[in-house]
PDB file of N, CA and C in Angstrom:
ATOM      1  N   MET A   1       0.849  -1.169   0.000  1.00  0.00           N
ATOM      2  CA  MET A   1       0.000   0.000   0.000  1.00  0.00           C
ATOM      3  C   MET A   1       0.900   1.239   0.000  1.00  0.00           C
ATOM      4  N   THR A   2       0.568   2.142  -0.854  1.00  0.00           N
ATOM      5  CA  THR A   2       1.362   3.361  -0.943  1.00  0.00           C
ATOM      6  C   THR A   2       0.872   4.374   0.088  1.00  0.00           C
ATOM      7  N   ARG A   3       1.654   5.428   0.234  1.00  0.00           N
ATOM      8  CA  ARG A   3       1.283   6.496   1.178  1.00  0.00           C
ATOM      9  C   ARG A   3      -0.020   7.152   0.756  1.00  0.00           C
ATOM     10  N   GLU A   4      -0.206   7.300  -0.538  1.00  0.00           N
ATOM     11  CA  GLU A   4      -1.414   7.930  -1.045  1.00  0.00           C
ATOM     12  C   GLU A   4      -2.646   7.081  -0.731  1.00  0.00           C
ATOM     13  N   GLN A   5      -2.552   5.779  -0.928  1.00  0.00           N
ATOM     14  CA  GLN A   5      -3.663   4.878  -0.624  1.00  0.00           C
ATOM     15  C   GLN A   5      -3.949   4.865   0.886  1.00  0.00           C
ATOM     16  N   GLY A   6      -2.910   4.875   1.692  1.00  0.00           N
ATOM     17  CA  GLY A   6      -3.065   4.903   3.148  1.00  0.00           C
ATOM     18  C   GLY A   6      -3.769   6.163   3.618  1.00  0.00           C
ATOM     19  N   SER A   7      -3.392   7.298   3.037  1.00  0.00           N
ATOM     20  CA  SER A   7      -4.032   8.557   3.438  1.00  0.00           C
ATOM     21  C   SER A   7      -5.496   8.582   3.007  1.00  0.00           C
ATOM     22  N   VAL A   8      -5.809   8.041   1.845  1.00  0.00           N
ATOM     23  CA  VAL A   8      -7.202   7.964   1.393  1.00  0.00           C
ATOM     24  C   VAL A   8      -8.005   7.059   2.338  1.00  0.00           C
ATOM     25  N   LEU A   9      -7.417   5.957   2.748  1.00  0.00           N
ATOM     26  CA  LEU A   9      -8.079   5.042   3.674  1.00  0.00           C
ATOM     27  C   LEU A   9      -8.365   5.726   5.016  1.00  0.00           C
ATOM     28  N   ILE A  10      -7.426   6.472   5.516  1.00  0.00           N
ATOM     29  CA  ILE A  10      -7.609   7.187   6.781  1.00  0.00           C
ATOM     30  C   ILE A  10      -8.705   8.238   6.659  1.00  0.00           C
ATOM     31  N   VAL A  11      -8.739   8.952   5.551  1.00  0.00           N
ATOM     32  CA  VAL A  11      -9.782   9.970   5.341  1.00  0.00           C
ATOM     33  C   VAL A  11     -11.158   9.298   5.269  1.00  0.00           C
ATOM     34  N   VAL A  12     -11.250   8.184   4.563  1.00  0.00           N
ATOM     35  CA  VAL A  12     -12.527   7.470   4.444  1.00  0.00           C
ATOM     36  C   VAL A  12     -12.986   6.975   5.826  1.00  0.00           C
ATOM     37  N   LEU A  13     -12.079   6.417   6.606  1.00  0.00           N
ATOM     38  CA  LEU A  13     -12.424   5.964   7.957  1.00  0.00           C
ATOM     39  C   LEU A  13     -12.863   7.128   8.841  1.00  0.00           C
ATOM     40  N   ASP A  14     -12.193   8.261   8.722  1.00  0.00           N
ATOM     41  CA  ASP A  14     -12.592   9.449   9.473  1.00  0.00           C
ATOM     42  C   ASP A  14     -14.002   9.898   9.088  1.00  0.00           C
ATOM     43  N   LEU A  15     -14.298   9.880   7.793  1.00  0.00           N
ATOM     44  CA  LEU A  15     -15.637  10.272   7.345  1.00  0.00           C
ATOM     45  C   LEU A  15     -16.707   9.312   7.877  1.00  0.00           C
ATOM     46  N   ILE A  16     -16.409   8.029   7.899  1.00  0.00           N
ATOM     47  CA  ILE A  16     -17.358   7.045   8.433  1.00  0.00           C
ATOM     48  C   ILE A  16     -17.590   7.289   9.918  1.00  0.00           C
ATOM     49  N   ILE A  17     -16.533   7.563  10.664  1.00  0.00           N
ATOM     50  CA  ILE A  17     -16.663   7.824  12.101  1.00  0.00           C
ATOM     51  C   ILE A  17     -17.495   9.074  12.345  1.00  0.00           C
ATOM     52  N   VAL A  18     -17.250  10.133  11.580  1.00  0.00           N
ATOM     53  CA  VAL A  18     -18.023  11.370  11.731  1.00  0.00           C
ATOM     54  C   VAL A  18     -19.488  11.123  11.378  1.00  0.00           C
ATOM     55  N   PHE A  19     -19.738  10.357  10.332  1.00  0.00           N
ATOM     56  CA  PHE A  19     -21.105  10.031   9.941  1.00  0.00           C
ATOM     57  C   PHE A  19     -21.830   9.254  11.042  1.00  0.00           C
ATOM     58  N   LEU A  20     -21.181   8.251  11.611  1.00  0.00           N
ATOM     59  CA  LEU A  20     -21.783   7.469  12.701  1.00  0.00           C
ATOM     60  C   LEU A  20     -22.040   8.341  13.927  1.00  0.00           C
ATOM     61  N   PHE A  21     -21.120   9.232  14.216  1.00  0.00           N
ATOM     62  CA  PHE A  21     -21.282  10.142  15.346  1.00  0.00           C
ATOM     63  C   PHE A  21     -22.497  11.051  15.139  1.00  0.00           C
ATOM     64  N   CYS A  22     -22.657  11.575  13.916  1.00  0.00           N
ATOM     65  CA  CYS A  22     -23.814  12.425  13.603  1.00  0.00           C
ATOM     66  C   CYS A  22     -25.113  11.630  13.704  1.00  0.00           C
ATOM     67  N   CYS A  23     -25.112  10.408  13.221  1.00  0.00           N
ATOM     68  CA  CYS A  23     -26.307   9.565  13.334  1.00  0.00           C
ATOM     69  C   CYS A  23     -26.658   9.318  14.796  1.00  0.00           C
ATOM     70  N   ALA A  24     -25.651   9.089  15.626  1.00  0.00           N
ATOM     71  CA  ALA A  24     -25.901   8.866  17.045  1.00  0.00           C
ATOM     72  C   ALA A  24     -26.505  10.098  17.710  1.00  0.00           C
ATOM     73  N   ILE A  25     -26.022  11.272  17.357  1.00  0.00           N
ATOM     74  CA  ILE A  25     -26.562  12.506  17.932  1.00  0.00           C
ATOM     75  C   ILE A  25     -28.010  12.709  17.497  1.00  0.00           C
ATOM     76  N   ILE A  26     -28.304  12.476  16.230  1.00  0.00           N
ATOM     77  CA  ILE A  26     -29.678  12.612  15.736  1.00  0.00           C
ATOM     78  C   ILE A  26     -30.598  11.622  16.441  1.00  0.00           C
ATOM     79  N   ARG A  27     -30.137  10.399  16.609  1.00  0.00           N
ATOM     80  CA  ARG A  27     -30.936   9.372  17.284  1.00  0.00           C
ATOM     81  C   ARG A  27     -31.177   9.737  18.748  1.00  0.00           C
ATOM     82  N   LEU A  28     -30.174  10.277  19.393  1.00  0.00           N
ATOM     83  CA  LEU A  28     -30.298  10.691  20.788  1.00  0.00           C
ATOM     84  C   LEU A  28     -31.314  11.818  20.932  1.00  0.00           C
ATOM     85  N   ARG A  29     -31.265  12.774  20.018  1.00  0.00           N
ATOM     86  CA  ARG A  29     -32.245  13.871  20.062  1.00  0.00           C
ATOM     87  C   ARG A  29     -33.655  13.344  19.836  1.00  0.00           C
ATOM     88  N   TRP A  30     -33.814  12.356  18.965  1.00  0.00           N
ATOM     89  CA  TRP A  30     -35.113  11.756  18.724  1.00  0.00           C
ATOM     90  C   TRP A  30     -35.620  11.083  19.998  1.00  0.00           C
ATOM     91  N   TYR A  31     -34.754  10.319  20.682  1.00  0.00           N
ATOM     92  CA  TYR A  31     -35.155   9.670  21.934  1.00  0.00           C
ATOM     93  C   TYR A  31     -35.484  10.701  23.004  1.00  0.00           C
ATOM     94  N   GLU A  32     -34.747  11.799  23.039  1.00  0.00           N
ATOM     95  CA  GLU A  32     -35.007  12.841  24.021  1.00  0.00           C
ATOM     96  C   GLU A  32     -36.390  13.462  23.790  1.00  0.00           C
ATOM     97  N   ASP A  33     -36.743  13.730  22.539  1.00  0.00           N
ATOM     98  CA  ASP A  33     -38.072  14.251  22.216  1.00  0.00           C
ATOM     99  C   ASP A  33     -39.163  13.245  22.569  1.00  0.00           C
ATOM    100  N   LEU A  34     -38.921  11.983  22.255  1.00  0.00           N
ATOM    101  CA  LEU A  34     -39.884  10.934  22.566  1.00  0.00           C
ATOM    102  C   LEU A  34     -40.104  10.824  24.068  1.00  0.00           C
ATOM    103  N   TYR A  35     -39.016  10.881  24.820  1.00  0.00           N
ATOM    104  CA  TYR A  35     -39.104  10.824  26.284  1.00  0.00           C
ATOM    105  C   TYR A  35     -39.883  12.029  26.818  1.00  0.00           C
ATOM    106  N   GLY A  36     -39.629  13.204  26.272  1.00  0.00           N
ATOM    107  CA  GLY A  36     -40.347  14.409  26.690  1.00  0.00           C
ATOM    108  C   GLY A  36     -41.839  14.305  26.417  1.00  0.00           C
ATOM    109  N   ARG A  37     -42.200  13.783  25.249  1.00  0.00           N
ATOM    110  CA  ARG A  37     -43.618  13.612  24.932  1.00  0.00           C
ATOM    111  C   ARG A  37     -44.281  12.593  25.861  1.00  0.00           C
ATOM    112  N   ASP A  38     -43.576  11.504  26.156  1.00  0.00           N
ATOM    113  CA  ASP A  38     -44.122  10.506  27.077  1.00  0.00           C
ATOM    114  C   ASP A  38     -44.345  11.094  28.458  1.00  0.00           C
ATOM    115  N   ARG A  39     -43.434  11.937  28.906  1.00  0.00           N
ATOM    116  CA  ARG A  39     -43.601  12.574  30.220  1.00  0.00           C
ATOM    117  C   ARG A  39     -44.777  13.550  30.211  1.00  0.00           C
ATOM    118  N   GLN A  40     -44.961  14.279  29.100  1.00  0.00           N
ATOM    119  CA  GLN A  40     -46.082  15.211  29.009  1.00  0.00           C
ATOM    120  C   GLN A  40     -47.418  14.474  28.997  1.00  0.00           C
ATOM    121  N   LEU A  41     -47.446  13.321  28.340  1.00  0.00           N
ATOM    122  CA  LEU A  41     -48.668  12.522  28.290  1.00  0.00           C
ATOM    123  C   LEU A  41     -48.852  11.700  29.558  1.00  0.00           C
ATOM    124  N   GLN A  42     -47.902  11.781  30.462  1.00  0.00           N
ATOM    125  CA  GLN A  42     -47.899  11.061  31.734  1.00  0.00           C
ATOM    126  C   GLN A  42     -48.005   9.561  31.535  1.00  0.00           C
ATOM    127  N   ARG A  43     -47.293   9.052  30.564  1.00  0.00           N
ATOM    128  CA  ARG A  43     -47.233   7.609  30.368  1.00  0.00           C
ATOM    129  C   ARG A  43     -46.308   7.031  31.426  1.00  0.00           C
ATOM    130  N   PRO A  44     -46.746   6.013  32.108  1.00  0.00           N
ATOM    131  CA  PRO A  44     -45.905   5.441  33.175  1.00  0.00           C
ATOM    132  C   PRO A  44     -44.688   4.729  32.608  1.00  0.00           C
ATOM    133  N   MET A  45     -43.609   4.793  33.356  1.00  0.00           N
ATOM    134  CA  MET A  45     -42.373   4.103  33.003  1.00  0.00           C
ATOM    135  C   MET A  45     -42.030   3.172  34.154  1.00  0.00           C
ATOM    136  N   ILE A  46     -41.143   2.245  33.921  1.00  0.00           N
ATOM    137  CA  ILE A  46     -40.792   1.284  34.960  1.00  0.00           C
ATOM    138  C   ILE A  46     -40.224   1.987  36.185  1.00  0.00           C
ATOM    139  N   GLU A  47     -39.539   3.126  36.007  1.00  0.00           N
ATOM    140  CA  GLU A  47     -38.987   3.857  37.141  1.00  0.00           C
ATOM    141  C   GLU A  47     -40.076   4.507  37.977  1.00  0.00           C
ATOM    142  N   ASP A  48     -41.283   4.670  37.398  1.00  0.00           N
ATOM    143  CA  ASP A  48     -42.373   5.318  38.106  1.00  0.00           C
ATOM    144  C   ASP A  48     -43.051   4.396  39.112  1.00  0.00           C
ATOM    145  N   PHE A  49     -42.799   3.105  39.018  1.00  0.00           N
ATOM    146  CA  PHE A  49     -43.446   2.160  39.889  1.00  0.00           C
ATOM    147  C   PHE A  49     -42.528   1.788  41.040  1.00  0.00           C
ATOM    148  N   SER A  50     -42.689   2.459  42.131  1.00  0.00           N
ATOM    149  CA  SER A  50     -41.924   2.123  43.319  1.00  0.00           C
ATOM    150  C   SER A  50     -42.829   2.305  44.527  1.00  0.00           C
ATOM    151  N   ILE A  51     -42.552   1.531  45.533  1.00  0.00           N
ATOM    152  CA  ILE A  51     -43.315   1.656  46.764  1.00  0.00           C
ATOM    153  C   ILE A  51     -42.340   1.768  47.925  1.00  0.00           C
ATOM    154  N   TYR A  52     -42.793   2.425  48.952  1.00  0.00           N
ATOM    155  CA  TYR A  52     -41.996   2.590  50.159  1.00  0.00           C
ATOM    156  C   TYR A  52     -42.622   1.716  51.238  1.00  0.00           C
ATOM    157  N   ILE A  53     -41.835   0.843  51.804  1.00  0.00           N
ATOM    158  CA  ILE A  53     -42.299  -0.012  52.891  1.00  0.00           C
ATOM    159  C   ILE A  53     -41.627   0.486  54.163  1.00  0.00           C
ATOM    160  N   PRO A  54     -42.375   1.164  55.046  1.00  0.00           N
ATOM    161  CA  PRO A  54     -41.749   1.774  56.218  1.00  0.00           C
ATOM    162  C   PRO A  54     -41.160   0.764  57.199  1.00  0.00           C
ATOM    163  N   GLU A  55     -41.783  -0.393  57.299  1.00  0.00           N
ATOM    164  CA  GLU A  55     -41.268  -1.424  58.209  1.00  0.00           C
ATOM    165  C   GLU A  55     -41.225  -2.748  57.475  1.00  0.00           C
ATOM    166  N   ILE A  56     -40.203  -3.523  57.745  1.00  0.00           N
ATOM    167  CA  ILE A  56     -40.084  -4.835  57.129  1.00  0.00           C
ATOM    168  C   ILE A  56     -41.168  -5.734  57.713  1.00  0.00           C
ATOM    169  N   PRO A  57     -41.961  -6.386  56.861  1.00  0.00           N
ATOM    170  CA  PRO A  57     -43.064  -7.207  57.379  1.00  0.00           C
ATOM    171  C   PRO A  57     -42.626  -8.555  57.951  1.00  0.00           C
ATOM    172  N   PHE A  58     -41.335  -8.757  58.096  1.00  0.00           N
ATOM    173  CA  PHE A  58     -40.809 -10.016  58.625  1.00  0.00           C
ATOM    174  C   PHE A  58     -39.902  -9.716  59.810  1.00  0.00           C
ATOM    175  N   LYS A  59     -39.821 -10.658  60.710  1.00  0.00           N
ATOM    176  CA  LYS A  59     -38.899 -10.522  61.828  1.00  0.00           C
ATOM    177  C   LYS A  59     -37.486 -10.825  61.351  1.00  0.00           C
ATOM    178  N   THR A  60     -36.503 -10.220  62.013  1.00  0.00           N
ATOM    179  CA  THR A  60     -35.102 -10.401  61.633  1.00  0.00           C
ATOM    180  C   THR A  60     -34.703 -11.880  61.694  1.00  0.00           C
ATOM    181  N   GLU A  61     -35.264 -12.619  62.633  1.00  0.00           N
ATOM    182  CA  GLU A  61     -34.925 -14.041  62.769  1.00  0.00           C
ATOM    183  C   GLU A  61     -35.359 -14.855  61.549  1.00  0.00           C
ATOM    184  N   GLU A  62     -36.385 -14.367  60.844  1.00  0.00           N
ATOM    185  CA  GLU A  62     -36.900 -15.109  59.694  1.00  0.00           C
ATOM    186  C   GLU A  62     -35.956 -15.053  58.494  1.00  0.00           C
ATOM    187  N   TYR A  63     -35.238 -13.941  58.354  1.00  0.00           N
ATOM    188  CA  TYR A  63     -34.337 -13.825  57.202  1.00  0.00           C
ATOM    189  C   TYR A  63     -32.869 -13.713  57.613  1.00  0.00           C
ATOM    190  N   ASN A  64     -32.564 -13.750  58.899  1.00  0.00           N
ATOM    191  CA  ASN A  64     -31.193 -13.793  59.431  1.00  0.00           C
ATOM    192  C   ASN A  64     -30.283 -12.709  58.861  1.00  0.00           C
ATOM    193  N   ASP A  65     -30.797 -11.504  58.675  1.00  0.00           N
ATOM    194  CA  ASP A  65     -30.036 -10.385  58.104  1.00  0.00           C
ATOM    195  C   ASP A  65     -29.413 -10.707  56.748  1.00  0.00           C
ATOM    196  N   ASN A  66     -30.026 -11.612  56.015  1.00  0.00           N
ATOM    197  CA  ASN A  66     -29.556 -11.982  54.677  1.00  0.00           C
ATOM    198  C   ASN A  66     -30.385 -11.204  53.650  1.00  0.00           C
ATOM    199  N   PRO A  67     -29.790 -10.225  52.950  1.00  0.00           N
ATOM    200  CA  PRO A  67     -30.572  -9.406  52.007  1.00  0.00           C
ATOM    201  C   PRO A  67     -31.155 -10.210  50.843  1.00  0.00           C
ATOM    202  N   ASP A  68     -30.479 -11.258  50.404  1.00  0.00           N
ATOM    203  CA  ASP A  68     -31.010 -12.068  49.302  1.00  0.00           C
ATOM    204  C   ASP A  68     -32.275 -12.805  49.731  1.00  0.00           C
ATOM    205  N   LEU A  69     -32.244 -13.368  50.938  1.00  0.00           N
ATOM    206  CA  LEU A  69     -33.423 -14.061  51.457  1.00  0.00           C
ATOM    207  C   LEU A  69     -34.560 -13.069  51.692  1.00  0.00           C
ATOM    208  N   LEU A  70     -34.239 -11.894  52.222  1.00  0.00           N
ATOM    209  CA  LEU A  70     -35.255 -10.866  52.431  1.00  0.00           C
ATOM    210  C   LEU A  70     -35.879 -10.443  51.105  1.00  0.00           C
ATOM    211  N   THR A  71     -35.069 -10.296  50.082  1.00  0.00           N
ATOM    212  CA  THR A  71     -35.574  -9.928  48.761  1.00  0.00           C
ATOM    213  C   THR A  71     -36.547 -10.974  48.244  1.00  0.00           C
ATOM    214  N   ALA A  72     -36.192 -12.239  48.365  1.00  0.00           N
ATOM    215  CA  ALA A  72     -37.072 -13.318  47.908  1.00  0.00           C
ATOM    216  C   ALA A  72     -38.372 -13.330  48.712  1.00  0.00           C
ATOM    217  N   MET A  73     -38.260 -13.159  50.022  1.00  0.00           N
ATOM    218  CA  MET A  73     -39.453 -13.158  50.873  1.00  0.00           C
ATOM    219  C   MET A  73     -40.369 -11.979  50.540  1.00  0.00           C
ATOM    220  N   LEU A  74     -39.787 -10.803  50.318  1.00  0.00           N
ATOM    221  CA  LEU A  74     -40.590  -9.631  49.956  1.00  0.00           C
ATOM    222  C   LEU A  74     -41.289  -9.826  48.614  1.00  0.00           C
ATOM    223  N   ALA A  75     -40.567 -10.376  47.640  1.00  0.00           N
ATOM    224  CA  ALA A  75     -41.153 -10.587  46.319  1.00  0.00           C
ATOM    225  C   ALA A  75     -42.355 -11.524  46.401  1.00  0.00           C
ATOM    226  N   VAL A  76     -42.198 -12.631  47.109  1.00  0.00           N
ATOM    227  CA  VAL A  76     -43.299 -13.599  47.244  1.00  0.00           C
ATOM    228  C   VAL A  76     -44.476 -12.967  47.979  1.00  0.00           C
ATOM    229  N   SER A  77     -44.188 -12.248  49.048  1.00  0.00           N
ATOM    230  CA  SER A  77     -45.253 -11.609  49.828  1.00  0.00           C
ATOM    231  C   SER A  77     -46.021 -10.585  48.998  1.00  0.00           C
ATOM    232  N   LEU A  78     -45.304  -9.744  48.264  1.00  0.00           N
ATOM    233  CA  LEU A  78     -45.960  -8.731  47.427  1.00  0.00           C
ATOM    234  C   LEU A  78     -46.773  -9.374  46.306  1.00  0.00           C
ATOM    235  N   GLU A  79     -46.247 -10.433  45.709  1.00  0.00           N
ATOM    236  CA  GLU A  79     -46.984 -11.111  44.645  1.00  0.00           C
ATOM    237  C   GLU A  79     -48.267 -11.727  45.187  1.00  0.00           C
ATOM    238  N   GLU A  80     -48.206 -12.328  46.365  1.00  0.00           N
ATOM    239  CA  GLU A  80     -49.412 -12.917  46.959  1.00  0.00           C
ATOM    240  C   GLU A  80     -50.457 -11.853  47.262  1.00  0.00           C
ATOM    241  N   ILE A  81     -50.026 -10.714  47.783  1.00  0.00           N
ATOM    242  CA  ILE A  81     -50.949  -9.614  48.075  1.00  0.00           C
ATOM    243  C   ILE A  81     -51.611  -9.118  46.788  1.00  0.00           C
ATOM    244  N   LEU A  82     -50.813  -8.942  45.736  1.00  0.00           N
ATOM    245  CA  LEU A  82     -51.358  -8.460  44.469  1.00  0.00           C
ATOM    246  C   LEU A  82     -52.307  -9.471  43.831  1.00  0.00           C
ATOM    247  N   ILE A  83     -51.976 -10.750  43.913  1.00  0.00           N
ATOM    248  CA  ILE A  83     -52.850 -11.783  43.347  1.00  0.00           C
ATOM    249  C   ILE A  83     -54.209 -11.740  44.034  1.00  0.00           C
ATOM    250  N   LYS A  84     -54.209 -11.674  45.358  1.00  0.00           N
ATOM    251  CA  LYS A  84     -55.483 -11.595  46.099  1.00  0.00           C
ATOM    252  C   LYS A  84     -56.267 -10.350  45.703  1.00  0.00           C
ATOM    253  N   LYS A  85     -55.572  -9.222  45.572  1.00  0.00           N
ATOM    254  CA  LYS A  85     -56.237  -7.975  45.197  1.00  0.00           C
ATOM    255  C   LYS A  85     -56.874  -8.085  43.819  1.00  0.00           C
ATOM    256  N   PHE A  86     -56.136  -8.605  42.841  1.00  0.00           N
ATOM    257  CA  PHE A  86     -56.659  -8.718  41.489  1.00  0.00           C
ATOM    258  C   PHE A  86     -57.823  -9.707  41.418  1.00  0.00           C
ATOM    259  N   MET A  87     -57.760 -10.776  42.188  1.00  0.00           N
ATOM    260  CA  MET A  87     -58.829 -11.763  42.162  1.00  0.00           C
ATOM    261  C   MET A  87     -60.082 -11.241  42.868  1.00  0.00           C
ATOM    262  N   ASP A  88     -59.904 -10.614  44.027  1.00  0.00           N
ATOM    263  CA  ASP A  88     -61.055 -10.160  44.814  1.00  0.00           C
ATOM    264  C   ASP A  88     -61.689  -8.890  44.250  1.00  0.00           C
ATOM    265  N   GLU A  89     -60.872  -7.885  43.985  1.00  0.00           N
ATOM    266  CA  GLU A  89     -61.414  -6.588  43.587  1.00  0.00           C
ATOM    267  C   GLU A  89     -61.681  -6.467  42.092  1.00  0.00           C
ATOM    268  N   ASP A  90     -60.818  -7.073  41.279  1.00  0.00           N
ATOM    269  CA  ASP A  90     -60.960  -6.913  39.829  1.00  0.00           C
ATOM    270  C   ASP A  90     -61.631  -8.104  39.158  1.00  0.00           C
ATOM    271  N   GLY A  91     -61.856  -9.197  39.900  1.00  0.00           N
ATOM    272  CA  GLY A  91     -62.551 -10.360  39.358  1.00  0.00           C
ATOM    273  C   GLY A  91     -61.760 -11.167  38.348  1.00  0.00           C
ATOM    274  N   LEU A  92     -60.440 -11.107  38.402  1.00  0.00           N
ATOM    275  CA  LEU A  92     -59.623 -11.886  37.474  1.00  0.00           C
ATOM    276  C   LEU A  92     -59.463 -13.308  37.985  1.00  0.00           C
ATOM    277  N   ASP A  93     -59.215 -14.239  37.054  1.00  0.00           N
ATOM    278  CA  ASP A  93     -58.917 -15.591  37.525  1.00  0.00           C
ATOM    279  C   ASP A  93     -57.466 -15.653  37.981  1.00  0.00           C
ATOM    280  N   GLU A  94     -57.083 -16.781  38.554  1.00  0.00           N
ATOM    281  CA  GLU A  94     -55.772 -16.866  39.199  1.00  0.00           C
ATOM    282  C   GLU A  94     -54.612 -16.691  38.216  1.00  0.00           C
ATOM    283  N   LEU A  95     -54.721 -17.269  37.022  1.00  0.00           N
ATOM    284  CA  LEU A  95     -53.628 -17.150  36.044  1.00  0.00           C
ATOM    285  C   LEU A  95     -53.443 -15.707  35.575  1.00  0.00           C
ATOM    286  N   GLU A  96     -54.547 -15.015  35.311  1.00  0.00           N
ATOM    287  CA  GLU A  96     -54.446 -13.612  34.905  1.00  0.00           C
ATOM    288  C   GLU A  96     -53.859 -12.766  36.026  1.00  0.00           C
ATOM    289  N   ALA A  97     -54.275 -13.045  37.249  1.00  0.00           N
ATOM    290  CA  ALA A  97     -53.761 -12.299  38.400  1.00  0.00           C
ATOM    291  C   ALA A  97     -52.272 -12.551  38.593  1.00  0.00           C
ATOM    292  N   GLN A  98     -51.830 -13.786  38.377  1.00  0.00           N
ATOM    293  CA  GLN A  98     -50.400 -14.087  38.509  1.00  0.00           C
ATOM    294  C   GLN A  98     -49.582 -13.367  37.445  1.00  0.00           C
ATOM    295  N   ASP A  99     -50.125 -13.287  36.226  1.00  0.00           N
ATOM    296  CA  ASP A  99     -49.413 -12.592  35.156  1.00  0.00           C
ATOM    297  C   ASP A  99     -49.224 -11.108  35.476  1.00  0.00           C
ATOM    298  N   LEU A 100     -50.235 -10.495  36.085  1.00  0.00           N
ATOM    299  CA  LEU A 100     -50.172  -9.064  36.372  1.00  0.00           C
ATOM    300  C   LEU A 100     -49.395  -8.725  37.633  1.00  0.00           C
ATOM    301  N   SER A 101     -49.098  -9.697  38.442  1.00  0.00           N
ATOM    302  CA  SER A 101     -48.525  -9.386  39.755  1.00  0.00           C
ATOM    303  C   SER A 101     -47.102  -9.909  39.939  1.00  0.00           C
ATOM    304  N   GLN A 102     -46.358 -10.019  38.868  1.00  0.00           N
ATOM    305  CA  GLN A 102     -44.975 -10.472  38.994  1.00  0.00           C
ATOM    306  C   GLN A 102     -44.078  -9.308  39.391  1.00  0.00           C
ATOM    307  N   VAL A 103     -43.288  -9.509  40.436  1.00  0.00           N
ATOM    308  CA  VAL A 103     -42.341  -8.495  40.891  1.00  0.00           C
ATOM    309  C   VAL A 103     -41.060  -8.689  40.096  1.00  0.00           C
ATOM    310  N   SER A 104     -40.662  -7.659  39.358  1.00  0.00           N
ATOM    311  CA  SER A 104     -39.489  -7.802  38.488  1.00  0.00           C
ATOM    312  C   SER A 104     -38.179  -7.654  39.240  1.00  0.00           C
ATOM    313  N   SER A 105     -38.114  -6.718  40.168  1.00  0.00           N
ATOM    314  CA  SER A 105     -36.868  -6.541  40.917  1.00  0.00           C
ATOM    315  C   SER A 105     -37.140  -5.748  42.182  1.00  0.00           C
ATOM    316  N   ILE A 106     -36.261  -5.923  43.136  1.00  0.00           N
ATOM    317  CA  ILE A 106     -36.333  -5.180  44.384  1.00  0.00           C
ATOM    318  C   ILE A 106     -34.970  -4.543  44.602  1.00  0.00           C
ATOM    319  N   HIS A 107     -34.965  -3.244  44.849  1.00  0.00           N
ATOM    320  CA  HIS A 107     -33.733  -2.510  45.098  1.00  0.00           C
ATOM    321  C   HIS A 107     -33.837  -1.840  46.460  1.00  0.00           C
ATOM    322  N   TYR A 108     -32.733  -1.750  47.124  1.00  0.00           N
ATOM    323  CA  TYR A 108     -32.692  -1.114  48.427  1.00  0.00           C
ATOM    324  C   TYR A 108     -31.956   0.214  48.306  1.00  0.00           C
ATOM    325  N   GLY A 109     -32.419   1.196  49.047  1.00  0.00           N
ATOM    326  CA  GLY A 109     -31.767   2.491  49.014  1.00  0.00           C
ATOM    327  C   GLY A 109     -32.005   3.233  50.307  1.00  0.00           C
ATOM    328  N   MET A 110     -31.426   4.408  50.396  1.00  0.00           N
ATOM    329  CA  MET A 110     -31.582   5.238  51.591  1.00  0.00           C
ATOM    330  C   MET A 110     -32.498   6.405  51.248  1.00  0.00           C
ATOM    331  N   ASN A 111     -33.371   6.755  52.191  1.00  0.00           N
ATOM    332  CA  ASN A 111     -34.161   7.950  51.978  1.00  0.00           C
ATOM    333  C   ASN A 111     -33.504   9.113  52.707  1.00  0.00           C
ATOM    334  N   LYS A 112     -34.141  10.255  52.704  1.00  0.00           N
ATOM    335  CA  LYS A 112     -33.517  11.441  53.283  1.00  0.00           C
ATOM    336  C   LYS A 112     -33.365  11.355  54.792  1.00  0.00           C
ATOM    337  N   HIS A 113     -34.067  10.419  55.430  1.00  0.00           N
ATOM    338  CA  HIS A 113     -33.952  10.264  56.879  1.00  0.00           C
ATOM    339  C   HIS A 113     -32.976   9.156  57.263  1.00  0.00           C
ATOM    340  N   HIS A 114     -32.307   8.599  56.276  1.00  0.00           N
ATOM    341  CA  HIS A 114     -31.288   7.575  56.481  1.00  0.00           C
ATOM    342  C   HIS A 114     -31.844   6.262  57.021  1.00  0.00           C
ATOM    343  N   SER A 115     -33.089   5.960  56.727  1.00  0.00           N
ATOM    344  CA  SER A 115     -33.615   4.639  57.057  1.00  0.00           C
ATOM    345  C   SER A 115     -33.749   3.873  55.752  1.00  0.00           C
ATOM    346  N   LEU A 116     -33.745   2.578  55.848  1.00  0.00           N
ATOM    347  CA  LEU A 116     -33.759   1.746  54.646  1.00  0.00           C
ATOM    348  C   LEU A 116     -35.076   1.886  53.905  1.00  0.00           C
ATOM    349  N   THR A 117     -35.013   2.046  52.606  1.00  0.00           N
ATOM    350  CA  THR A 117     -36.184   2.166  51.747  1.00  0.00           C
ATOM    351  C   THR A 117     -36.184   0.986  50.794  1.00  0.00           C
ATOM    352  N   TYR A 118     -37.340   0.465  50.536  1.00  0.00           N
ATOM    353  CA  TYR A 118     -37.455  -0.685  49.637  1.00  0.00           C
ATOM    354  C   TYR A 118     -38.161  -0.234  48.372  1.00  0.00           C
ATOM    355  N   LEU A 119     -37.502  -0.341  47.263  1.00  0.00           N
ATOM    356  CA  LEU A 119     -38.073   0.048  45.978  1.00  0.00           C
ATOM    357  C   LEU A 119     -38.342  -1.208  45.183  1.00  0.00           C
ATOM    358  N   VAL A 120     -39.550  -1.334  44.708  1.00  0.00           N
ATOM    359  CA  VAL A 120     -39.915  -2.535  43.938  1.00  0.00           C
ATOM    360  C   VAL A 120     -40.212  -2.097  42.519  1.00  0.00           C
TER     361      VAL A 120
END
């Protein structure tokens, strides 16, 4: 490969990189507009679904200060509560209620008062 061919190759690669960068910026602006419209229409997002549990519904002896076990216990407890609610109040059958009441994840965090907060 000659110097001339090498320089042409570098220029072409630079142009491709600039083109991809411009496409990424345009795509990002599109997502930003879409996100803004969703917020204006008040469409719920997964981050919007969180609950605060002021007290752990289990005794410390039941989960032995193990956060993984506590997470599993909380998920099962919340799913059972939701299943009962959907069956009793909304008249759904058990399979439909189970589909609607799956807990996807549980995260722990601190609130402004420095007590443990449970986000589901």
